Amino acid sequence: MRELLDLHWEVFVTPWIPTVTSDLPPGTTQQMWQPMWIAARDIIESLTPCAVIAGHRRPENDDSSTILAETRRYIRDFDRVAETTTTAPELYDTRLERYADRINPRLALWLSARAAKP
């Protein structure tokens, strides 16, 4: 018979890392770094976890697996809006208006908008 073990974890949340880039969004002087990959989230979500320890999140948020669906929705919404906008600033402004409360929304969004609308 297999013995079931209780799984426990502790999470150390590090401070944000200042971004070193000259390609900042309009009106921004410094940003903090936060990468985002949907493929990794797809794999994690397929495992149906009860908790997800995000590498980049607000320290006060819990480790609920609902963050996966929220992030997927954010990325899919970005793709949808990218199809209907014509410039990087337009895409950036539209997404920033809708998701201004996301953690560190500016740099990742700006670089994504510039990649989608060079």
PDB file of N, CA and C in Angstrom:
ATOM      1  N   MET A   1       0.849  -1.170   0.000  1.00  0.00           N
ATOM      2  CA  MET A   1       0.000   0.000   0.000  1.00  0.00           C
ATOM      3  C   MET A   1       0.906   1.248   0.000  1.00  0.00           C
ATOM      4  N   ARG A   2       0.525   2.210  -0.797  1.00  0.00           N
ATOM      5  CA  ARG A   2       1.290   3.447  -0.890  1.00  0.00           C
ATOM      6  C   ARG A   2       0.914   4.386   0.241  1.00  0.00           C
ATOM      7  N   GLU A   3       1.900   5.019   0.789  1.00  0.00           N
ATOM      8  CA  GLU A   3       1.671   6.008   1.831  1.00  0.00           C
ATOM      9  C   GLU A   3       1.507   7.378   1.189  1.00  0.00           C
ATOM     10  N   LEU A   4       0.471   8.072   1.571  1.00  0.00           N
ATOM     11  CA  LEU A   4       0.249   9.420   1.059  1.00  0.00           C
ATOM     12  C   LEU A   4       0.999  10.411   1.935  1.00  0.00           C
ATOM     13  N   LEU A   5       1.669  11.323   1.295  1.00  0.00           N
ATOM     14  CA  LEU A   5       2.441  12.333   2.007  1.00  0.00           C
ATOM     15  C   LEU A   5       1.764  13.684   1.876  1.00  0.00           C
ATOM     16  N   ASP A   6       1.791  14.436   2.946  1.00  0.00           N
ATOM     17  CA  ASP A   6       1.316  15.816   2.862  1.00  0.00           C
ATOM     18  C   ASP A   6       2.385  16.628   2.157  1.00  0.00           C
ATOM     19  N   LEU A   7       1.970  17.410   1.222  1.00  0.00           N
ATOM     20  CA  LEU A   7       2.892  18.270   0.496  1.00  0.00           C
ATOM     21  C   LEU A   7       2.768  19.686   1.040  1.00  0.00           C
ATOM     22  N   HIS A   8       3.880  20.244   1.425  1.00  0.00           N
ATOM     23  CA  HIS A   8       3.909  21.615   1.931  1.00  0.00           C
ATOM     24  C   HIS A   8       4.971  22.375   1.155  1.00  0.00           C
ATOM     25  N   TRP A   9       4.786  23.676   1.053  1.00  0.00           N
ATOM     26  CA  TRP A   9       5.781  24.485   0.373  1.00  0.00           C
ATOM     27  C   TRP A   9       5.867  25.843   1.024  1.00  0.00           C
ATOM     28  N   GLU A  10       7.003  26.437   0.836  1.00  0.00           N
ATOM     29  CA  GLU A  10       7.216  27.811   1.249  1.00  0.00           C
ATOM     30  C   GLU A  10       7.641  28.568   0.001  1.00  0.00           C
ATOM     31  N   VAL A  11       7.194  29.782  -0.101  1.00  0.00           N
ATOM     32  CA  VAL A  11       7.483  30.578  -1.283  1.00  0.00           C
ATOM     33  C   VAL A  11       8.266  31.819  -0.873  1.00  0.00           C
ATOM     34  N   PHE A  12       9.376  32.033  -1.538  1.00  0.00           N
ATOM     35  CA  PHE A  12      10.153  33.247  -1.348  1.00  0.00           C
ATOM     36  C   PHE A  12       9.860  34.153  -2.531  1.00  0.00           C
ATOM     37  N   VAL A  13       9.349  35.328  -2.272  1.00  0.00           N
ATOM     38  CA  VAL A  13       9.012  36.276  -3.338  1.00  0.00           C
ATOM     39  C   VAL A  13      10.093  37.344  -3.375  1.00  0.00           C
ATOM     40  N   THR A  14      10.813  37.401  -4.493  1.00  0.00           N
ATOM     41  CA  THR A  14      11.892  38.367  -4.637  1.00  0.00           C
ATOM     42  C   THR A  14      11.361  39.698  -5.146  1.00  0.00           C
ATOM     43  N   PRO A  15      12.093  40.758  -4.928  1.00  0.00           N
ATOM     44  CA  PRO A  15      11.703  42.050  -5.486  1.00  0.00           C
ATOM     45  C   PRO A  15      11.797  42.022  -7.017  1.00  0.00           C
ATOM     46  N   TRP A  16      11.087  42.940  -7.639  1.00  0.00           N
ATOM     47  CA  TRP A  16      11.135  43.063  -9.088  1.00  0.00           C
ATOM     48  C   TRP A  16      12.531  43.477  -9.532  1.00  0.00           C
ATOM     49  N   ILE A  17      12.881  43.109 -10.750  1.00  0.00           N
ATOM     50  CA  ILE A  17      14.175  43.444 -11.323  1.00  0.00           C
ATOM     51  C   ILE A  17      13.985  44.608 -12.293  1.00  0.00           C
ATOM     52  N   PRO A  18      14.728  45.710 -12.133  1.00  0.00           N
ATOM     53  CA  PRO A  18      14.593  46.812 -13.082  1.00  0.00           C
ATOM     54  C   PRO A  18      14.975  46.357 -14.496  1.00  0.00           C
ATOM     55  N   THR A  19      14.217  46.799 -15.462  1.00  0.00           N
ATOM     56  CA  THR A  19      14.458  46.457 -16.851  1.00  0.00           C
ATOM     57  C   THR A  19      15.527  47.358 -17.437  1.00  0.00           C
ATOM     58  N   VAL A  20      16.417  46.775 -18.192  1.00  0.00           N
ATOM     59  CA  VAL A  20      17.437  47.554 -18.877  1.00  0.00           C
ATOM     60  C   VAL A  20      17.096  47.522 -20.360  1.00  0.00           C
ATOM     61  N   THR A  21      16.418  48.553 -20.809  1.00  0.00           N
ATOM     62  CA  THR A  21      16.048  48.661 -22.215  1.00  0.00           C
ATOM     63  C   THR A  21      15.765  50.116 -22.538  1.00  0.00           C
ATOM     64  N   SER A  22      15.992  50.477 -23.778  1.00  0.00           N
ATOM     65  CA  SER A  22      15.679  51.836 -24.197  1.00  0.00           C
ATOM     66  C   SER A  22      14.317  51.896 -24.871  1.00  0.00           C
ATOM     67  N   ASP A  23      13.683  50.744 -25.077  1.00  0.00           N
ATOM     68  CA  ASP A  23      12.391  50.689 -25.758  1.00  0.00           C
ATOM     69  C   ASP A  23      11.270  50.605 -24.728  1.00  0.00           C
ATOM     70  N   LEU A  24      11.022  51.730 -24.048  1.00  0.00           N
ATOM     71  CA  LEU A  24       9.985  51.778 -23.025  1.00  0.00           C
ATOM     72  C   LEU A  24       8.699  52.356 -23.594  1.00  0.00           C
ATOM     73  N   PRO A  25       7.557  52.047 -22.977  1.00  0.00           N
ATOM     74  CA  PRO A  25       6.287  52.611 -23.427  1.00  0.00           C
ATOM     75  C   PRO A  25       6.278  54.125 -23.273  1.00  0.00           C
ATOM     76  N   PRO A  26       5.458  54.812 -24.061  1.00  0.00           N
ATOM     77  CA  PRO A  26       5.358  56.266 -23.961  1.00  0.00           C
ATOM     78  C   PRO A  26       5.045  56.710 -22.530  1.00  0.00           C
ATOM     79  N   GLY A  27       5.762  57.718 -22.051  1.00  0.00           N
ATOM     80  CA  GLY A  27       5.520  58.263 -20.731  1.00  0.00           C
ATOM     81  C   GLY A  27       6.095  57.447 -19.586  1.00  0.00           C
ATOM     82  N   THR A  28       6.934  56.467 -19.881  1.00  0.00           N
ATOM     83  CA  THR A  28       7.495  55.596 -18.860  1.00  0.00           C
ATOM     84  C   THR A  28       8.992  55.814 -18.759  1.00  0.00           C
ATOM     85  N   THR A  29       9.512  55.908 -17.546  1.00  0.00           N
ATOM     86  CA  THR A  29      10.941  56.110 -17.377  1.00  0.00           C
ATOM     87  C   THR A  29      11.656  54.853 -16.916  1.00  0.00           C
ATOM     88  N   GLN A  30      10.965  53.951 -16.215  1.00  0.00           N
ATOM     89  CA  GLN A  30      11.575  52.699 -15.775  1.00  0.00           C
ATOM     90  C   GLN A  30      10.476  51.660 -15.616  1.00  0.00           C
ATOM     91  N   GLN A  31      10.795  50.434 -15.919  1.00  0.00           N
ATOM     92  CA  GLN A  31       9.861  49.337 -15.735  1.00  0.00           C
ATOM     93  C   GLN A  31      10.548  48.190 -15.039  1.00  0.00           C
ATOM     94  N   MET A  32       9.747  47.267 -14.553  1.00  0.00           N
ATOM     95  CA  MET A  32      10.267  46.087 -13.895  1.00  0.00           C
ATOM     96  C   MET A  32       9.993  44.873 -14.785  1.00  0.00           C
ATOM     97  N   TRP A  33      10.847  43.884 -14.707  1.00  0.00           N
ATOM     98  CA  TRP A  33      10.810  42.754 -15.619  1.00  0.00           C
ATOM     99  C   TRP A  33       9.832  41.687 -15.169  1.00  0.00           C
ATOM    100  N   GLN A  34       9.057  41.162 -16.123  1.00  0.00           N
ATOM    101  CA  GLN A  34       8.119  40.081 -15.853  1.00  0.00           C
ATOM    102  C   GLN A  34       7.855  39.329 -17.159  1.00  0.00           C
ATOM    103  N   PRO A  35       8.424  38.128 -17.370  1.00  0.00           N
ATOM    104  CA  PRO A  35       8.170  37.378 -18.593  1.00  0.00           C
ATOM    105  C   PRO A  35       6.814  36.679 -18.560  1.00  0.00           C
ATOM    106  N   MET A  36       6.306  36.310 -19.707  1.00  0.00           N
ATOM    107  CA  MET A  36       5.007  35.656 -19.805  1.00  0.00           C
ATOM    108  C   MET A  36       5.044  34.648 -20.957  1.00  0.00           C
ATOM    109  N   TRP A  37       4.695  33.372 -20.701  1.00  0.00           N
ATOM    110  CA  TRP A  37       4.654  32.346 -21.747  1.00  0.00           C
ATOM    111  C   TRP A  37       3.384  31.548 -21.627  1.00  0.00           C
ATOM    112  N   ILE A  38       2.579  31.522 -22.704  1.00  0.00           N
ATOM    113  CA  ILE A  38       1.311  30.787 -22.650  1.00  0.00           C
ATOM    114  C   ILE A  38       1.524  29.283 -22.741  1.00  0.00           C
ATOM    115  N   ALA A  39       2.548  28.808 -23.448  1.00  0.00           N
ATOM    116  CA  ALA A  39       2.775  27.369 -23.585  1.00  0.00           C
ATOM    117  C   ALA A  39       2.998  26.714 -22.230  1.00  0.00           C
ATOM    118  N   ALA A  40       3.769  27.349 -21.380  1.00  0.00           N
ATOM    119  CA  ALA A  40       4.009  26.794 -20.045  1.00  0.00           C
ATOM    120  C   ALA A  40       2.705  26.728 -19.253  1.00  0.00           C
ATOM    121  N   ARG A  41       1.867  27.726 -19.400  1.00  0.00           N
ATOM    122  CA  ARG A  41       0.592  27.721 -18.691  1.00  0.00           C
ATOM    123  C   ARG A  41      -0.326  26.625 -19.207  1.00  0.00           C
ATOM    124  N   ASP A  42      -0.286  26.362 -20.492  1.00  0.00           N
ATOM    125  CA  ASP A  42      -1.089  25.264 -21.049  1.00  0.00           C
ATOM    126  C   ASP A  42      -0.700  23.937 -20.423  1.00  0.00           C
ATOM    127  N   ILE A  43       0.589  23.700 -20.314  1.00  0.00           N
ATOM    128  CA  ILE A  43       1.070  22.444 -19.732  1.00  0.00           C
ATOM    129  C   ILE A  43       0.665  22.344 -18.267  1.00  0.00           C
ATOM    130  N   ILE A  44       0.879  23.410 -17.525  1.00  0.00           N
ATOM    131  CA  ILE A  44       0.529  23.396 -16.103  1.00  0.00           C
ATOM    132  C   ILE A  44      -0.967  23.192 -15.930  1.00  0.00           C
ATOM    133  N   GLU A  45      -1.762  23.888 -16.744  1.00  0.00           N
ATOM    134  CA  GLU A  45      -3.221  23.779 -16.620  1.00  0.00           C
ATOM    135  C   GLU A  45      -3.698  22.374 -16.942  1.00  0.00           C
ATOM    136  N   SER A  46      -3.029  21.697 -17.877  1.00  0.00           N
ATOM    137  CA  SER A  46      -3.440  20.331 -18.243  1.00  0.00           C
ATOM    138  C   SER A  46      -3.249  19.346 -17.097  1.00  0.00           C
ATOM    139  N   LEU A  47      -2.433  19.707 -16.119  1.00  0.00           N
ATOM    140  CA  LEU A  47      -2.196  18.846 -14.965  1.00  0.00           C
ATOM    141  C   LEU A  47      -3.266  19.013 -13.881  1.00  0.00           C
ATOM    142  N   THR A  48      -4.200  19.930 -14.092  1.00  0.00           N
ATOM    143  CA  THR A  48      -5.271  20.275 -13.147  1.00  0.00           C
ATOM    144  C   THR A  48      -4.771  20.403 -11.703  1.00  0.00           C
ATOM    145  N   PRO A  49      -3.860  21.317 -11.491  1.00  0.00           N
ATOM    146  CA  PRO A  49      -3.313  21.491 -10.141  1.00  0.00           C
ATOM    147  C   PRO A  49      -4.324  22.146  -9.204  1.00  0.00           C
ATOM    148  N   CYS A  50      -4.174  21.895  -7.926  1.00  0.00           N
ATOM    149  CA  CYS A  50      -5.027  22.570  -6.941  1.00  0.00           C
ATOM    150  C   CYS A  50      -4.383  23.883  -6.508  1.00  0.00           C
ATOM    151  N   ALA A  51      -3.084  24.031  -6.780  1.00  0.00           N
ATOM    152  CA  ALA A  51      -2.375  25.267  -6.458  1.00  0.00           C
ATOM    153  C   ALA A  51      -1.287  25.487  -7.505  1.00  0.00           C
ATOM    154  N   VAL A  52      -0.989  26.737  -7.751  1.00  0.00           N
ATOM    155  CA  VAL A  52       0.074  27.102  -8.692  1.00  0.00           C
ATOM    156  C   VAL A  52       0.915  28.174  -8.023  1.00  0.00           C
ATOM    157  N   ILE A  53       2.191  27.928  -7.917  1.00  0.00           N
ATOM    158  CA  ILE A  53       3.085  28.921  -7.341  1.00  0.00           C
ATOM    159  C   ILE A  53       3.699  29.693  -8.495  1.00  0.00           C
ATOM    160  N   ALA A  54       3.153  30.861  -8.739  1.00  0.00           N
ATOM    161  CA  ALA A  54       3.581  31.679  -9.863  1.00  0.00           C
ATOM    162  C   ALA A  54       4.951  32.291  -9.593  1.00  0.00           C
ATOM    163  N   GLY A  55       5.751  32.350 -10.626  1.00  0.00           N
ATOM    164  CA  GLY A  55       7.054  32.972 -10.489  1.00  0.00           C
ATOM    165  C   GLY A  55       6.970  34.480 -10.437  1.00  0.00           C
ATOM    166  N   HIS A  56       5.903  35.036 -10.964  1.00  0.00           N
ATOM    167  CA  HIS A  56       5.725  36.488 -11.015  1.00  0.00           C
ATOM    168  C   HIS A  56       4.285  36.796 -10.639  1.00  0.00           C
ATOM    169  N   ARG A  57       4.110  37.280  -9.430  1.00  0.00           N
ATOM    170  CA  ARG A  57       2.769  37.634  -8.959  1.00  0.00           C
ATOM    171  C   ARG A  57       2.882  38.617  -7.818  1.00  0.00           C
ATOM    172  N   ARG A  58       1.751  39.190  -7.475  1.00  0.00           N
ATOM    173  CA  ARG A  58       1.720  40.070  -6.313  1.00  0.00           C
ATOM    174  C   ARG A  58       1.907  39.205  -5.058  1.00  0.00           C
ATOM    175  N   PRO A  59       2.783  39.613  -4.158  1.00  0.00           N
ATOM    176  CA  PRO A  59       3.036  38.807  -2.960  1.00  0.00           C
ATOM    177  C   PRO A  59       1.783  38.522  -2.135  1.00  0.00           C
ATOM    178  N   GLU A  60       0.808  39.429  -2.150  1.00  0.00           N
ATOM    179  CA  GLU A  60      -0.389  39.233  -1.332  1.00  0.00           C
ATOM    180  C   GLU A  60      -1.400  38.256  -1.951  1.00  0.00           C
ATOM    181  N   ASN A  61      -1.219  37.875  -3.216  1.00  0.00           N
ATOM    182  CA  ASN A  61      -2.136  36.921  -3.846  1.00  0.00           C
ATOM    183  C   ASN A  61      -1.846  35.501  -3.381  1.00  0.00           C
ATOM    184  N   ASP A  62      -2.884  34.678  -3.363  1.00  0.00           N
ATOM    185  CA  ASP A  62      -2.677  33.289  -2.959  1.00  0.00           C
ATOM    186  C   ASP A  62      -2.180  32.468  -4.149  1.00  0.00           C
ATOM    187  N   ASP A  63      -1.999  31.187  -3.938  1.00  0.00           N
ATOM    188  CA  ASP A  63      -1.473  30.309  -4.981  1.00  0.00           C
ATOM    189  C   ASP A  63      -2.577  29.506  -5.663  1.00  0.00           C
ATOM    190  N   SER A  64      -3.738  30.111  -5.814  1.00  0.00           N
ATOM    191  CA  SER A  64      -4.874  29.459  -6.451  1.00  0.00           C
ATOM    192  C   SER A  64      -4.579  29.172  -7.920  1.00  0.00           C
ATOM    193  N   SER A  65      -5.066  28.052  -8.407  1.00  0.00           N
ATOM    194  CA  SER A  65      -4.855  27.700  -9.813  1.00  0.00           C
ATOM    195  C   SER A  65      -5.700  28.548 -10.758  1.00  0.00           C
ATOM    196  N   THR A  66      -6.584  29.395 -10.229  1.00  0.00           N
ATOM    197  CA  THR A  66      -7.393  30.263 -11.092  1.00  0.00           C
ATOM    198  C   THR A  66      -6.538  31.255 -11.873  1.00  0.00           C
ATOM    199  N   ILE A  67      -5.311  31.493 -11.418  1.00  0.00           N
ATOM    200  CA  ILE A  67      -4.420  32.425 -12.122  1.00  0.00           C
ATOM    201  C   ILE A  67      -4.134  31.941 -13.538  1.00  0.00           C
ATOM    202  N   LEU A  68      -4.179  30.639 -13.756  1.00  0.00           N
ATOM    203  CA  LEU A  68      -3.920  30.103 -15.094  1.00  0.00           C
ATOM    204  C   LEU A  68      -4.986  30.553 -16.087  1.00  0.00           C
ATOM    205  N   ALA A  69      -6.244  30.427 -15.701  1.00  0.00           N
ATOM    206  CA  ALA A  69      -7.335  30.851 -16.581  1.00  0.00           C
ATOM    207  C   ALA A  69      -7.320  32.362 -16.781  1.00  0.00           C
ATOM    208  N   GLU A  70      -6.996  33.104 -15.737  1.00  0.00           N
ATOM    209  CA  GLU A  70      -6.923  34.563 -15.861  1.00  0.00           C
ATOM    210  C   GLU A  70      -5.831  34.980 -16.841  1.00  0.00           C
ATOM    211  N   THR A  71      -4.694  34.333 -16.762  1.00  0.00           N
ATOM    212  CA  THR A  71      -3.595  34.662 -17.663  1.00  0.00           C
ATOM    213  C   THR A  71      -3.916  34.247 -19.089  1.00  0.00           C
ATOM    214  N   ARG A  72      -4.508  33.083 -19.249  1.00  0.00           N
ATOM    215  CA  ARG A  72      -4.928  32.634 -20.587  1.00  0.00           C
ATOM    216  C   ARG A  72      -5.898  33.634 -21.197  1.00  0.00           C
ATOM    217  N   ARG A  73      -6.857  34.097 -20.407  1.00  0.00           N
ATOM    218  CA  ARG A  73      -7.843  35.072 -20.889  1.00  0.00           C
ATOM    219  C   ARG A  73      -7.153  36.369 -21.310  1.00  0.00           C
ATOM    220  N   TYR A  74      -6.192  36.819 -20.530  1.00  0.00           N
ATOM    221  CA  TYR A  74      -5.453  38.036 -20.848  1.00  0.00           C
ATOM    222  C   TYR A  74      -4.709  37.887 -22.189  1.00  0.00           C
ATOM    223  N   ILE A  75      -4.034  36.776 -22.374  1.00  0.00           N
ATOM    224  CA  ILE A  75      -3.266  36.564 -23.609  1.00  0.00           C
ATOM    225  C   ILE A  75      -4.193  36.399 -24.810  1.00  0.00           C
ATOM    226  N   ARG A  76      -5.261  35.659 -24.663  1.00  0.00           N
ATOM    227  CA  ARG A  76      -6.220  35.493 -25.774  1.00  0.00           C
ATOM    228  C   ARG A  76      -6.870  36.832 -26.126  1.00  0.00           C
ATOM    229  N   ASP A  77      -7.164  37.638 -25.123  1.00  0.00           N
ATOM    230  CA  ASP A  77      -7.742  38.957 -25.366  1.00  0.00           C
ATOM    231  C   ASP A  77      -6.750  39.846 -26.110  1.00  0.00           C
ATOM    232  N   PHE A  78      -5.484  39.763 -25.743  1.00  0.00           N
ATOM    233  CA  PHE A  78      -4.449  40.509 -26.463  1.00  0.00           C
ATOM    234  C   PHE A  78      -4.458  40.116 -27.938  1.00  0.00           C
ATOM    235  N   ASP A  79      -4.474  38.815 -28.222  1.00  0.00           N
ATOM    236  CA  ASP A  79      -4.477  38.341 -29.614  1.00  0.00           C
ATOM    237  C   ASP A  79      -5.702  38.844 -30.373  1.00  0.00           C
ATOM    238  N   ARG A  80      -6.856  38.832 -29.714  1.00  0.00           N
ATOM    239  CA  ARG A  80      -8.094  39.292 -30.358  1.00  0.00           C
ATOM    240  C   ARG A  80      -8.007  40.777 -30.700  1.00  0.00           C
ATOM    241  N   VAL A  81      -7.534  41.581 -29.777  1.00  0.00           N
ATOM    242  CA  VAL A  81      -7.439  43.026 -30.000  1.00  0.00           C
ATOM    243  C   VAL A  81      -6.340  43.342 -31.009  1.00  0.00           C
ATOM    244  N   ALA A  82      -5.293  42.541 -31.044  1.00  0.00           N
ATOM    245  CA  ALA A  82      -4.216  42.756 -32.018  1.00  0.00           C
ATOM    246  C   ALA A  82      -4.742  42.645 -33.447  1.00  0.00           C
ATOM    247  N   GLU A  83      -5.758  41.836 -33.641  1.00  0.00           N
ATOM    248  CA  GLU A  83      -6.348  41.683 -34.977  1.00  0.00           C
ATOM    249  C   GLU A  83      -7.142  42.909 -35.414  1.00  0.00           C
ATOM    250  N   THR A  84      -7.605  43.719 -34.463  1.00  0.00           N
ATOM    251  CA  THR A  84      -8.468  44.854 -34.809  1.00  0.00           C
ATOM    252  C   THR A  84      -7.789  46.209 -34.661  1.00  0.00           C
ATOM    253  N   THR A  85      -6.537  46.234 -34.234  1.00  0.00           N
ATOM    254  CA  THR A  85      -5.806  47.496 -34.121  1.00  0.00           C
ATOM    255  C   THR A  85      -4.748  47.557 -35.205  1.00  0.00           C
ATOM    256  N   THR A  86      -4.250  48.761 -35.476  1.00  0.00           N
ATOM    257  CA  THR A  86      -3.297  48.896 -36.585  1.00  0.00           C
ATOM    258  C   THR A  86      -1.890  49.284 -36.164  1.00  0.00           C
ATOM    259  N   THR A  87      -1.737  49.867 -34.972  1.00  0.00           N
ATOM    260  CA  THR A  87      -0.404  50.312 -34.546  1.00  0.00           C
ATOM    261  C   THR A  87      -0.083  49.775 -33.152  1.00  0.00           C
ATOM    262  N   ALA A  88       1.206  49.741 -32.834  1.00  0.00           N
ATOM    263  CA  ALA A  88       1.629  49.307 -31.504  1.00  0.00           C
ATOM    264  C   ALA A  88       1.062  50.218 -30.410  1.00  0.00           C
ATOM    265  N   PRO A  89       1.126  51.559 -30.576  1.00  0.00           N
ATOM    266  CA  PRO A  89       0.546  52.415 -29.535  1.00  0.00           C
ATOM    267  C   PRO A  89      -0.956  52.197 -29.340  1.00  0.00           C
ATOM    268  N   GLU A  90      -1.685  51.960 -30.420  1.00  0.00           N
ATOM    269  CA  GLU A  90      -3.129  51.720 -30.298  1.00  0.00           C
ATOM    270  C   GLU A  90      -3.392  50.421 -29.540  1.00  0.00           C
ATOM    271  N   LEU A  91      -2.683  49.374 -29.887  1.00  0.00           N
ATOM    272  CA  LEU A  91      -2.823  48.090 -29.201  1.00  0.00           C
ATOM    273  C   LEU A  91      -2.442  48.232 -27.733  1.00  0.00           C
ATOM    274  N   TYR A  92      -1.347  48.894 -27.476  1.00  0.00           N
ATOM    275  CA  TYR A  92      -0.859  49.122 -26.114  1.00  0.00           C
ATOM    276  C   TYR A  92      -1.890  49.895 -25.283  1.00  0.00           C
ATOM    277  N   ASP A  93      -2.373  51.012 -25.817  1.00  0.00           N
ATOM    278  CA  ASP A  93      -3.331  51.845 -25.075  1.00  0.00           C
ATOM    279  C   ASP A  93      -4.627  51.093 -24.794  1.00  0.00           C
ATOM    280  N   THR A  94      -5.098  50.330 -25.772  1.00  0.00           N
ATOM    281  CA  THR A  94      -6.339  49.572 -25.609  1.00  0.00           C
ATOM    282  C   THR A  94      -6.202  48.535 -24.503  1.00  0.00           C
ATOM    283  N   ARG A  95      -5.114  47.822 -24.490  1.00  0.00           N
ATOM    284  CA  ARG A  95      -4.894  46.780 -23.475  1.00  0.00           C
ATOM    285  C   ARG A  95      -4.591  47.394 -22.111  1.00  0.00           C
ATOM    286  N   LEU A  96      -3.837  48.481 -22.084  1.00  0.00           N
ATOM    287  CA  LEU A  96      -3.518  49.123 -20.808  1.00  0.00           C
ATOM    288  C   LEU A  96      -4.785  49.660 -20.152  1.00  0.00           C
ATOM    289  N   GLU A  97      -5.679  50.195 -20.947  1.00  0.00           N
ATOM    290  CA  GLU A  97      -6.942  50.706 -20.421  1.00  0.00           C
ATOM    291  C   GLU A  97      -7.756  49.577 -19.784  1.00  0.00           C
ATOM    292  N   ARG A  98      -7.788  48.435 -20.439  1.00  0.00           N
ATOM    293  CA  ARG A  98      -8.583  47.299 -19.958  1.00  0.00           C
ATOM    294  C   ARG A  98      -7.923  46.573 -18.777  1.00  0.00           C
ATOM    295  N   TYR A  99      -6.603  46.507 -18.780  1.00  0.00           N
ATOM    296  CA  TYR A  99      -5.885  45.714 -17.779  1.00  0.00           C
ATOM    297  C   TYR A  99      -4.895  46.554 -16.962  1.00  0.00           C
ATOM    298  N   ALA A 100      -5.261  47.749 -16.622  1.00  0.00           N
ATOM    299  CA  ALA A 100      -4.361  48.640 -15.880  1.00  0.00           C
ATOM    300  C   ALA A 100      -4.037  48.112 -14.491  1.00  0.00           C
ATOM    301  N   ASP A 101      -4.873  47.227 -13.961  1.00  0.00           N
ATOM    302  CA  ASP A 101      -4.648  46.724 -12.610  1.00  0.00           C
ATOM    303  C   ASP A 101      -3.730  45.512 -12.554  1.00  0.00           C
ATOM    304  N   ARG A 102      -3.297  45.022 -13.697  1.00  0.00           N
ATOM    305  CA  ARG A 102      -2.382  43.870 -13.693  1.00  0.00           C
ATOM    306  C   ARG A 102      -1.020  44.287 -13.161  1.00  0.00           C
ATOM    307  N   ILE A 103      -0.315  43.332 -12.632  1.00  0.00           N
ATOM    308  CA  ILE A 103       0.999  43.626 -12.081  1.00  0.00           C
ATOM    309  C   ILE A 103       1.961  43.954 -13.221  1.00  0.00           C
ATOM    310  N   ASN A 104       2.670  45.044 -13.086  1.00  0.00           N
ATOM    311  CA  ASN A 104       3.650  45.490 -14.076  1.00  0.00           C
ATOM    312  C   ASN A 104       3.091  45.421 -15.505  1.00  0.00           C
ATOM    313  N   PRO A 105       2.014  46.123 -15.789  1.00  0.00           N
ATOM    314  CA  PRO A 105       1.383  45.971 -17.096  1.00  0.00           C
ATOM    315  C   PRO A 105       2.124  46.637 -18.251  1.00  0.00           C
ATOM    316  N   ARG A 106       2.988  47.575 -17.982  1.00  0.00           N
ATOM    317  CA  ARG A 106       3.502  48.414 -19.061  1.00  0.00           C
ATOM    318  C   ARG A 106       4.560  47.775 -19.947  1.00  0.00           C
ATOM    319  N   LEU A 107       5.677  47.325 -19.419  1.00  0.00           N
ATOM    320  CA  LEU A 107       6.767  46.891 -20.283  1.00  0.00           C
ATOM    321  C   LEU A 107       6.435  45.632 -21.067  1.00  0.00           C
ATOM    322  N   ALA A 108       5.941  44.600 -20.396  1.00  0.00           N
ATOM    323  CA  ALA A 108       5.589  43.367 -21.110  1.00  0.00           C
ATOM    324  C   ALA A 108       4.551  43.666 -22.194  1.00  0.00           C
ATOM    325  N   LEU A 109       3.582  44.493 -21.858  1.00  0.00           N
ATOM    326  CA  LEU A 109       2.553  44.866 -22.826  1.00  0.00           C
ATOM    327  C   LEU A 109       3.149  45.668 -23.975  1.00  0.00           C
ATOM    328  N   TRP A 110       4.005  46.632 -23.670  1.00  0.00           N
ATOM    329  CA  TRP A 110       4.613  47.456 -24.716  1.00  0.00           C
ATOM    330  C   TRP A 110       5.453  46.602 -25.671  1.00  0.00           C
ATOM    331  N   LEU A 111       6.283  45.749 -25.134  1.00  0.00           N
ATOM    332  CA  LEU A 111       7.130  44.899 -25.982  1.00  0.00           C
ATOM    333  C   LEU A 111       6.272  43.932 -26.808  1.00  0.00           C
ATOM    334  N   SER A 112       5.197  43.433 -26.217  1.00  0.00           N
ATOM    335  CA  SER A 112       4.290  42.553 -26.971  1.00  0.00           C
ATOM    336  C   SER A 112       3.584  43.313 -28.081  1.00  0.00           C
ATOM    337  N   ALA A 113       3.142  44.530 -27.800  1.00  0.00           N
ATOM    338  CA  ALA A 113       2.478  45.347 -28.819  1.00  0.00           C
ATOM    339  C   ALA A 113       3.449  45.676 -29.948  1.00  0.00           C
ATOM    340  N   ARG A 114       4.704  45.995 -29.595  1.00  0.00           N
ATOM    341  CA  ARG A 114       5.712  46.299 -30.624  1.00  0.00           C
ATOM    342  C   ARG A 114       6.029  45.075 -31.470  1.00  0.00           C
ATOM    343  N   ALA A 115       6.009  43.897 -30.860  1.00  0.00           N
ATOM    344  CA  ALA A 115       6.258  42.671 -31.627  1.00  0.00           C
ATOM    345  C   ALA A 115       5.089  42.344 -32.542  1.00  0.00           C
ATOM    346  N   ALA A 116       3.872  42.599 -32.065  1.00  0.00           N
ATOM    347  CA  ALA A 116       2.676  42.307 -32.868  1.00  0.00           C
ATOM    348  C   ALA A 116       2.447  43.344 -33.977  1.00  0.00           C
ATOM    349  N   LYS A 117       2.865  44.578 -33.731  1.00  0.00           N
ATOM    350  CA  LYS A 117       2.646  45.683 -34.683  1.00  0.00           C
ATOM    351  C   LYS A 117       3.951  46.446 -34.880  1.00  0.00           C
ATOM    352  N   PRO A 118       4.932  45.851 -35.572  1.00  0.00           N
ATOM    353  CA  PRO A 118       6.247  46.523 -35.731  1.00  0.00           C
ATOM    354  C   PRO A 118       6.141  47.853 -36.486  1.00  0.00           C
TER     355      PRO A 118
END
